[in-house]
Every structure is written in structure tokens, then in C-alpha cells.
């Protein structure tokens, strides 16, 4: 009789799934060196699809695992600028989150619009 299978820890399963996002050569090199799961996990970071500032959730469906590096740093910087601008605009208009800036209404006046006769 074979011995029962052991439980595979969540970190090991997550590292195996994230390793599939790596290029084939890098994945093979990590497997050849038999690096621990923690090394693979440190290569990635969760990124919000809908920014937290705009009501984005921390649930799995709003997260994408991104490779750490200069591309992610520049994306984070751009996201921070967008969130800061939204915060500034909401502060100016006094609107709550995710509301549009009100447009100016036409000034009310008692003046009638003159009609031109047809010639």
C-alpha cells in the first residue's frame, strides 16, 4: 500500500502558479537550482486593476500579480499621479469619490430670446 500524500502548502502552490508567468529559461533555471518558494514569491507583487483610490477591492478578481522591476515602479508612479489628481479635483469641487465634476449651468435670466422674422 502506498503512503498517503502530504498536504501541499499554499506558498508552494502559489509559487508554482506564479512561476508559469516567468519566461521559460528563467523558470527552468529556478527549477534547476531548486530555489525555495519564497524566492519565487518575492519576484512578484499584487497590483490593483481598479485603483484603491477609486473604490477598488483587495479581492482576487481586482488583483494582477506583476513582476517587480522598473516597469512596475513607473506604473506605480503613474497610478499615484492619477490618484492624487482625483483627490485634488474632489477637494476643489467638494464631490465624493467617483463623482463627476459639475458643469456650469446657464445663467438664469428673465430676458426673452428674440425671434427673427422670416423674410
C-alpha atoms as a PDB file:
ATOM      1  CA  UNK A   1       0.000   0.000   0.000  1.00  0.00           C
ATOM      2  CA  UNK A   2       1.304   3.457  -0.878  1.00  0.00           C
ATOM      3  CA  UNK A   3       1.740   6.047   1.791  1.00  0.00           C
ATOM      4  CA  UNK A   4      -0.775   8.912   1.855  1.00  0.00           C
ATOM      5  CA  UNK A   5       0.050  12.136   0.089  1.00  0.00           C
ATOM      6  CA  UNK A   6       1.165  15.055   2.158  1.00  0.00           C
ATOM      7  CA  UNK A   7      -0.608  18.400   2.123  1.00  0.00           C
ATOM      8  CA  UNK A   8       0.999  20.853  -0.325  1.00  0.00           C
ATOM      9  CA  UNK A   9       1.406  24.213   1.453  1.00  0.00           C
ATOM     10  CA  UNK A  10      -0.303  27.233  -0.065  1.00  0.00           C
ATOM     11  CA  UNK A  11       3.028  29.046  -0.592  1.00  0.00           C
ATOM     12  CA  UNK A  12       4.302  26.143  -2.695  1.00  0.00           C
ATOM     13  CA  UNK A  13       1.134  26.107  -4.827  1.00  0.00           C
ATOM     14  CA  UNK A  14       1.251  29.877  -5.285  1.00  0.00           C
ATOM     15  CA  UNK A  15       4.939  29.767  -6.272  1.00  0.00           C
ATOM     16  CA  UNK A  16       4.193  27.057  -8.847  1.00  0.00           C
ATOM     17  CA  UNK A  17       1.391  29.165 -10.352  1.00  0.00           C
ATOM     18  CA  UNK A  18       3.500  32.338 -10.436  1.00  0.00           C
ATOM     19  CA  UNK A  19       6.447  30.510 -11.968  1.00  0.00           C
ATOM     20  CA  UNK A  20       4.274  29.925 -15.040  1.00  0.00           C
ATOM     21  CA  UNK A  21       4.290  33.699 -15.611  1.00  0.00           C
ATOM     22  CA  UNK A  22       8.082  33.727 -15.907  1.00  0.00           C
ATOM     23  CA  UNK A  23       9.953  33.243 -19.183  1.00  0.00           C
ATOM     24  CA  UNK A  24      10.758  29.585 -19.878  1.00  0.00           C
ATOM     25  CA  UNK A  25      14.539  29.967 -19.472  1.00  0.00           C
ATOM     26  CA  UNK A  26      14.227  31.748 -16.130  1.00  0.00           C
ATOM     27  CA  UNK A  27      11.684  29.228 -14.856  1.00  0.00           C
ATOM     28  CA  UNK A  28      13.948  26.335 -15.853  1.00  0.00           C
ATOM     29  CA  UNK A  29      16.942  27.958 -14.144  1.00  0.00           C
ATOM     30  CA  UNK A  30      14.980  28.417 -10.900  1.00  0.00           C
ATOM     31  CA  UNK A  31      13.787  24.806 -11.023  1.00  0.00           C
ATOM     32  CA  UNK A  32      17.318  23.524 -11.713  1.00  0.00           C
ATOM     33  CA  UNK A  33      18.628  25.396  -8.669  1.00  0.00           C
ATOM     34  CA  UNK A  34      15.581  24.213  -6.648  1.00  0.00           C
ATOM     35  CA  UNK A  35      15.079  27.649  -5.126  1.00  0.00           C
ATOM     36  CA  UNK A  36      12.586  27.874  -2.260  1.00  0.00           C
ATOM     37  CA  UNK A  37       9.037  29.092  -2.889  1.00  0.00           C
ATOM     38  CA  UNK A  38       9.770  32.302  -1.001  1.00  0.00           C
ATOM     39  CA  UNK A  39      12.295  33.349  -3.677  1.00  0.00           C
ATOM     40  CA  UNK A  40       9.716  32.931  -6.447  1.00  0.00           C
ATOM     41  CA  UNK A  41       7.082  34.777  -4.399  1.00  0.00           C
ATOM     42  CA  UNK A  42       9.431  37.747  -3.896  1.00  0.00           C
ATOM     43  CA  UNK A  43       9.696  38.182  -7.680  1.00  0.00           C
ATOM     44  CA  UNK A  44       6.038  39.294  -7.838  1.00  0.00           C
ATOM     45  CA  UNK A  45       3.756  41.806  -6.170  1.00  0.00           C
ATOM     46  CA  UNK A  46      -0.033  42.237  -6.379  1.00  0.00           C
ATOM     47  CA  UNK A  47      -1.257  45.188  -8.429  1.00  0.00           C
ATOM     48  CA  UNK A  48      -4.790  46.595  -8.341  1.00  0.00           C
ATOM     49  CA  UNK A  49      -6.700  46.639 -11.643  1.00  0.00           C
ATOM     50  CA  UNK A  50      -9.090  49.291 -10.306  1.00  0.00           C
ATOM     51  CA  UNK A  51      -7.112  51.591  -8.055  1.00  0.00           C
ATOM     52  CA  UNK A  52      -7.891  51.513  -4.364  1.00  0.00           C
ATOM     53  CA  UNK A  53      -8.451  55.286  -4.507  1.00  0.00           C
ATOM     54  CA  UNK A  54     -11.343  54.674  -6.917  1.00  0.00           C
ATOM     55  CA  UNK A  55     -13.034  52.069  -4.766  1.00  0.00           C
ATOM     56  CA  UNK A  56     -11.054  49.061  -5.995  1.00  0.00           C
ATOM     57  CA  UNK A  57     -11.214  45.952  -3.848  1.00  0.00           C
ATOM     58  CA  UNK A  58      -8.432  43.858  -2.358  1.00  0.00           C
ATOM     59  CA  UNK A  59     -10.199  40.725  -3.621  1.00  0.00           C
ATOM     60  CA  UNK A  60      -8.522  38.333  -6.043  1.00  0.00           C
ATOM     61  CA  UNK A  61     -10.601  39.498  -9.025  1.00  0.00           C
ATOM     62  CA  UNK A  62      -9.191  43.036  -8.743  1.00  0.00           C
ATOM     63  CA  UNK A  63      -5.559  41.949  -8.403  1.00  0.00           C
ATOM     64  CA  UNK A  64      -2.974  41.037 -11.002  1.00  0.00           C
ATOM     65  CA  UNK A  65       0.374  39.619  -9.983  1.00  0.00           C
ATOM     66  CA  UNK A  66       3.084  41.757 -11.614  1.00  0.00           C
ATOM     67  CA  UNK A  67       6.779  41.142 -11.898  1.00  0.00           C
ATOM     68  CA  UNK A  68       8.771  43.536  -9.743  1.00  0.00           C
ATOM     69  CA  UNK A  69      11.130  45.814 -11.600  1.00  0.00           C
ATOM     70  CA  UNK A  70      11.470  49.227 -13.223  1.00  0.00           C
ATOM     71  CA  UNK A  71       8.287  48.806 -15.307  1.00  0.00           C
ATOM     72  CA  UNK A  72       6.208  48.253 -12.184  1.00  0.00           C
ATOM     73  CA  UNK A  73       7.859  51.200 -10.432  1.00  0.00           C
ATOM     74  CA  UNK A  74       6.966  53.531 -13.307  1.00  0.00           C
ATOM     75  CA  UNK A  75       3.391  52.178 -13.360  1.00  0.00           C
ATOM     76  CA  UNK A  76       3.071  52.757  -9.610  1.00  0.00           C
ATOM     77  CA  UNK A  77       4.299  56.325 -10.073  1.00  0.00           C
ATOM     78  CA  UNK A  78       1.732  56.940 -12.827  1.00  0.00           C
ATOM     79  CA  UNK A  79      -1.049  55.415 -10.692  1.00  0.00           C
ATOM     80  CA  UNK A  80      -0.079  57.660  -7.785  1.00  0.00           C
ATOM     81  CA  UNK A  81      -0.321  60.725 -10.051  1.00  0.00           C
ATOM     82  CA  UNK A  82      -3.795  59.718 -11.224  1.00  0.00           C
ATOM     83  CA  UNK A  83      -4.993  59.129  -7.660  1.00  0.00           C
ATOM     84  CA  UNK A  84      -3.514  62.439  -6.473  1.00  0.00           C
ATOM     85  CA  UNK A  85      -5.176  64.363  -9.294  1.00  0.00           C
ATOM     86  CA  UNK A  86      -8.513  62.745  -8.488  1.00  0.00           C
ATOM     87  CA  UNK A  87      -8.076  63.696  -4.847  1.00  0.00           C
ATOM     88  CA  UNK A  88      -7.244  67.293  -5.797  1.00  0.00           C
ATOM     89  CA  UNK A  89     -10.272  67.556  -8.068  1.00  0.00           C
ATOM     90  CA  UNK A  90     -12.595  66.115  -5.448  1.00  0.00           C
ATOM     91  CA  UNK A  91     -11.216  68.620  -2.947  1.00  0.00           C
ATOM     92  CA  UNK A  92     -11.917  71.545  -5.280  1.00  0.00           C
ATOM     93  CA  UNK A  93     -15.449  70.515  -6.188  1.00  0.00           C
ATOM     94  CA  UNK A  94     -16.423  69.044  -2.835  1.00  0.00           C
ATOM     95  CA  UNK A  95     -17.777  65.921  -4.525  1.00  0.00           C
ATOM     96  CA  UNK A  96     -17.404  62.486  -3.030  1.00  0.00           C
ATOM     97  CA  UNK A  97     -15.481  59.676  -4.668  1.00  0.00           C
ATOM     98  CA  UNK A  98     -16.248  58.675  -8.257  1.00  0.00           C
ATOM     99  CA  UNK A  99     -18.483  61.639  -8.991  1.00  0.00           C
ATOM    100  CA  UNK A 100     -18.050  63.844 -12.000  1.00  0.00           C
ATOM    101  CA  UNK A 101     -17.166  67.490 -11.826  1.00  0.00           C
ATOM    102  CA  UNK A 102     -20.372  69.517 -12.157  1.00  0.00           C
ATOM    103  CA  UNK A 103     -20.675  71.632 -15.274  1.00  0.00           C
ATOM    104  CA  UNK A 104     -21.777  75.243 -15.050  1.00  0.00           C
ATOM    105  CA  UNK A 105     -25.441  75.752 -15.707  1.00  0.00           C
ATOM    106  CA  UNK A 106     -26.568  78.544 -17.987  1.00  0.00           C
ATOM    107  CA  UNK A 107     -27.244  81.698 -16.010  1.00  0.00           C
ATOM    108  CA  UNK A 108     -30.912  82.302 -15.382  1.00  0.00           C
ATOM    109  CA  UNK A 109     -32.273  85.469 -16.796  1.00  0.00           C
ATOM    110  CA  UNK A 110     -35.641  86.994 -17.491  1.00  0.00           C
ATOM    111  CA  UNK A 111     -34.581  88.098 -20.925  1.00  0.00           C
ATOM    112  CA  UNK A 112     -36.572  86.557 -23.750  1.00  0.00           C
ATOM    113  CA  UNK A 113     -34.879  85.245 -26.817  1.00  0.00           C
ATOM    114  CA  UNK A 114     -35.792  87.464 -29.720  1.00  0.00           C
ATOM    115  CA  UNK A 115     -37.142  85.704 -32.707  1.00  0.00           C
ATOM    116  CA  UNK A 116     -36.233  86.863 -36.136  1.00  0.00           C
ATOM    117  CA  UNK A 117     -38.933  87.000 -38.696  1.00  0.00           C
ATOM    118  CA  UNK A 118     -38.577  85.144 -41.920  1.00  0.00           C
ATOM    119  CA  UNK A 119     -38.062  87.306 -44.954  1.00  0.00           C
END
